[in-house]
Amino acid sequence: MDIGLLLLRVLLAAILFAHGTQKALGWFNGPGPAGAEALFGKLGQVPARTKVRLAVVCELAAATSLLLGLVTPLGAAIAAGTMLVAGFSMIYLNITFWNSAGGGEYPIVLSGAALVLGFTGPGRYSLDALIDSLPWVANGEQQVLFGLVVVVVAVVAAYPPLRSVRQARASRADVG
């Protein structure tokens, strides 16, 4: 189980790192800051420059946390919240769930994978596990409680940007 959790953390960290650097630096065939700002503006994430920077910071912070297995519930919540915003923003923009049609299926799956880590914990191969007596490195009911906290934090954090996306979409529908 611990190897599986390590692999899940490393995979999510790599994807989040790539997402962040695509926006910030144009790496991995990314749009770079200008392209990311244009997309965020189209999504209704205004001010776009600020929202792009926030997304980059969130993706890179979550990537670091998950890769190291350090403060894992926080990293999982940041990753889940950020990917919820990405996924539902694409769904609102393109009126479809499916990734092949421009929807947010893929980021929603990434969000779900991050939430899994909230419920399982980071596993034995993590910095969290090396530090004695951290409350979020638990078993049983206590770990379920931490998982629920991760879900709540992710949803609460995702709500304001998603509300602005929905409002922007409603405004465009009223005009068009």
Protein backbone atom coordinates (compact mmCIF):
# COMPACT_ATOMS: atom_id res chain seq x y z
CA MET A 1 0.00 0.00 0.00
CA ASP A 2 2.79 2.43 0.88
CA ILE A 3 4.45 2.02 -2.52
CA GLY A 4 1.10 2.72 -4.19
CA LEU A 5 0.67 5.92 -2.17
CA LEU A 6 4.21 7.00 -3.03
CA LEU A 7 3.52 6.41 -6.74
CA LEU A 8 0.25 8.32 -6.55
CA ARG A 9 1.94 11.26 -4.81
CA VAL A 10 4.81 11.33 -7.31
CA LEU A 11 2.44 11.13 -10.29
CA LEU A 12 0.23 13.95 -9.01
CA ALA A 13 3.29 16.04 -8.13
CA ALA A 14 4.71 15.62 -11.63
CA ILE A 15 1.42 16.58 -13.29
CA LEU A 16 0.90 19.59 -11.02
CA PHE A 17 4.50 20.72 -11.60
CA ALA A 18 3.96 20.50 -15.34
CA HIS A 19 0.66 22.41 -15.12
CA GLY A 20 2.26 25.18 -13.06
CA THR A 21 5.31 25.55 -15.26
CA GLN A 22 3.20 25.50 -18.43
CA LYS A 23 1.49 28.64 -17.20
CA ALA A 24 4.50 30.31 -15.58
CA LEU A 25 7.25 29.50 -18.07
CA GLY A 26 5.65 27.96 -21.15
CA TRP A 27 7.36 24.63 -20.42
CA PHE A 28 5.87 21.33 -21.64
CA ASN A 29 4.21 23.05 -24.63
CA GLY A 30 2.35 25.36 -22.26
CA PRO A 31 0.86 28.73 -23.12
CA GLY A 32 3.18 30.77 -20.89
CA PRO A 33 1.91 33.71 -18.86
CA ALA A 34 0.27 35.61 -21.75
CA GLY A 35 -1.56 32.57 -23.10
CA ALA A 36 -2.64 31.50 -19.62
CA GLU A 37 -3.96 35.00 -18.92
CA ALA A 38 -5.97 34.93 -22.15
CA LEU A 39 -7.51 31.57 -21.23
CA PHE A 40 -8.25 32.64 -17.67
CA GLY A 41 -9.89 35.82 -18.97
CA LYS A 42 -12.03 33.75 -21.34
CA LEU A 43 -13.02 31.56 -18.39
CA GLY A 44 -14.11 34.60 -16.37
CA GLN A 45 -11.20 34.40 -13.94
CA VAL A 46 -10.55 38.10 -13.45
CA PRO A 47 -8.21 39.71 -12.87
CA ALA A 48 -6.63 37.07 -15.09
CA ARG A 49 -3.00 37.87 -14.30
CA THR A 50 -3.62 37.52 -10.56
CA LYS A 51 -5.59 34.31 -10.99
CA VAL A 52 -2.87 32.79 -13.20
CA ARG A 53 -0.24 33.60 -10.58
CA LEU A 54 -2.42 32.12 -7.86
CA ALA A 55 -2.95 28.95 -9.90
CA VAL A 56 0.79 28.61 -10.49
CA VAL A 57 1.58 29.06 -6.80
CA CYS A 58 -1.11 26.55 -5.82
CA GLU A 59 0.00 23.95 -8.37
CA LEU A 60 3.69 24.24 -7.44
CA ALA A 61 3.00 24.27 -3.69
CA ALA A 62 0.79 21.20 -3.97
CA ALA A 63 3.36 19.47 -6.17
CA THR A 64 6.11 20.08 -3.62
CA SER A 65 3.97 18.97 -0.68
CA LEU A 66 2.81 15.79 -2.38
CA LEU A 67 6.21 14.89 -3.79
CA LEU A 68 7.84 15.14 -0.38
CA GLY A 69 4.85 13.81 1.54
CA LEU A 70 5.13 16.84 3.79
CA VAL A 71 1.99 18.43 5.26
CA THR A 72 0.19 16.08 2.89
CA PRO A 73 -3.40 17.01 3.82
CA LEU A 74 -2.68 20.64 2.94
CA GLY A 75 -1.04 19.65 -0.35
CA ALA A 76 -3.97 17.35 -1.15
CA ALA A 77 -6.50 20.10 -0.37
CA ILE A 78 -4.63 22.65 -2.51
CA ALA A 79 -4.35 20.19 -5.40
CA ALA A 80 -7.99 19.11 -5.14
CA GLY A 81 -9.30 22.68 -4.93
CA THR A 82 -7.15 23.93 -7.79
CA MET A 83 -8.15 21.05 -10.03
CA LEU A 84 -11.83 21.48 -9.12
CA VAL A 85 -11.58 25.07 -10.34
CA ALA A 86 -9.81 23.98 -13.52
CA GLY A 87 -12.26 21.17 -14.22
CA PHE A 88 -15.49 23.01 -13.55
CA SER A 89 -14.25 26.13 -15.34
CA MET A 90 -13.79 24.06 -18.49
CA ILE A 91 -17.18 22.43 -18.00
CA TYR A 92 -18.86 25.85 -17.64
CA LEU A 93 -17.00 27.22 -20.67
CA ASN A 94 -17.64 24.35 -23.06
CA ILE A 95 -20.87 22.93 -21.58
CA THR A 96 -19.48 19.41 -21.48
CA PHE A 97 -17.85 17.14 -18.93
CA TRP A 98 -15.75 15.13 -21.36
CA ASN A 99 -12.14 16.09 -21.95
CA SER A 100 -12.31 15.15 -25.63
CA ALA A 101 -14.92 17.90 -26.14
CA GLY A 102 -13.07 20.53 -24.08
CA GLY A 103 -14.62 19.67 -20.73
CA GLY A 104 -13.07 19.23 -17.32
CA GLU A 105 -13.04 15.45 -16.95
CA TYR A 106 -9.24 15.23 -16.59
CA PRO A 107 -8.76 17.86 -13.86
CA ILE A 108 -11.76 16.42 -11.99
CA VAL A 109 -10.01 13.03 -11.94
CA LEU A 110 -6.83 14.71 -10.66
CA SER A 111 -8.88 16.38 -7.94
CA GLY A 112 -10.34 13.02 -6.96
CA ALA A 113 -6.89 11.44 -6.80
CA ALA A 114 -5.72 14.25 -4.50
CA LEU A 115 -8.77 13.71 -2.29
CA VAL A 116 -7.87 10.03 -2.00
CA LEU A 117 -4.60 11.09 -0.38
CA GLY A 118 -6.59 13.08 2.16
CA PHE A 119 -8.32 9.89 3.23
CA THR A 120 -5.33 7.54 3.06
CA GLY A 121 -2.53 9.78 4.27
CA PRO A 122 0.87 9.97 2.62
CA GLY A 123 2.07 6.47 3.41
CA ARG A 124 5.26 5.28 5.06
CA TYR A 125 7.57 6.73 2.38
CA SER A 126 6.99 10.38 3.22
CA LEU A 127 8.49 13.11 5.34
CA ASP A 128 5.24 13.22 7.30
CA ALA A 129 5.80 9.61 8.36
CA LEU A 130 9.34 10.42 9.53
CA ILE A 131 8.12 13.13 11.89
CA ASP A 132 6.73 11.64 15.09
CA SER A 133 3.22 12.37 16.31
CA LEU A 134 1.76 14.35 13.41
CA PRO A 135 -2.00 14.20 13.83
CA TRP A 136 -2.68 13.67 10.11
CA VAL A 137 -0.55 10.54 9.94
CA ALA A 138 -3.25 8.40 11.48
CA ASN A 139 -5.31 5.30 10.99
CA GLY A 140 -8.98 4.48 10.96
CA GLU A 141 -11.57 7.02 11.97
CA GLN A 142 -9.07 9.81 12.56
CA GLN A 143 -7.78 9.50 8.97
CA VAL A 144 -11.37 9.64 7.69
CA LEU A 145 -11.81 12.88 9.62
CA PHE A 146 -8.70 14.34 7.95
CA GLY A 147 -10.02 13.22 4.58
CA LEU A 148 -13.31 15.02 5.22
CA VAL A 149 -11.42 18.16 6.25
CA VAL A 150 -9.45 18.00 2.97
CA VAL A 151 -12.71 17.73 1.00
CA VAL A 152 -14.28 20.69 2.84
CA VAL A 153 -11.18 22.88 2.46
CA ALA A 154 -10.91 22.07 -1.26
CA VAL A 155 -14.58 22.82 -1.94
CA VAL A 156 -14.61 26.03 0.13
CA ALA A 157 -11.43 27.26 -1.60
CA ALA A 158 -12.80 26.40 -5.06
CA TYR A 159 -16.15 28.10 -4.55
CA PRO A 160 -15.22 31.80 -5.05
CA PRO A 161 -13.38 31.36 -8.36
CA LEU A 162 -16.05 29.00 -9.64
CA ARG A 163 -18.75 31.50 -8.70
CA SER A 164 -16.98 34.15 -10.78
CA VAL A 165 -16.76 31.72 -13.72
CA ARG A 166 -20.48 30.99 -13.51
CA GLN A 167 -21.29 34.70 -13.28
CA ALA A 168 -19.11 35.46 -16.32
CA ARG A 169 -20.81 32.68 -18.27
CA ALA A 170 -24.26 33.97 -17.27
CA SER A 171 -23.27 37.50 -18.34
CA ARG A 172 -22.11 36.23 -21.74
CA ALA A 173 -25.35 34.28 -22.14
CA ASP A 174 -27.38 37.42 -21.39
CA VAL A 175 -25.44 39.40 -24.02
CA GLY A 176 -25.46 36.66 -26.68
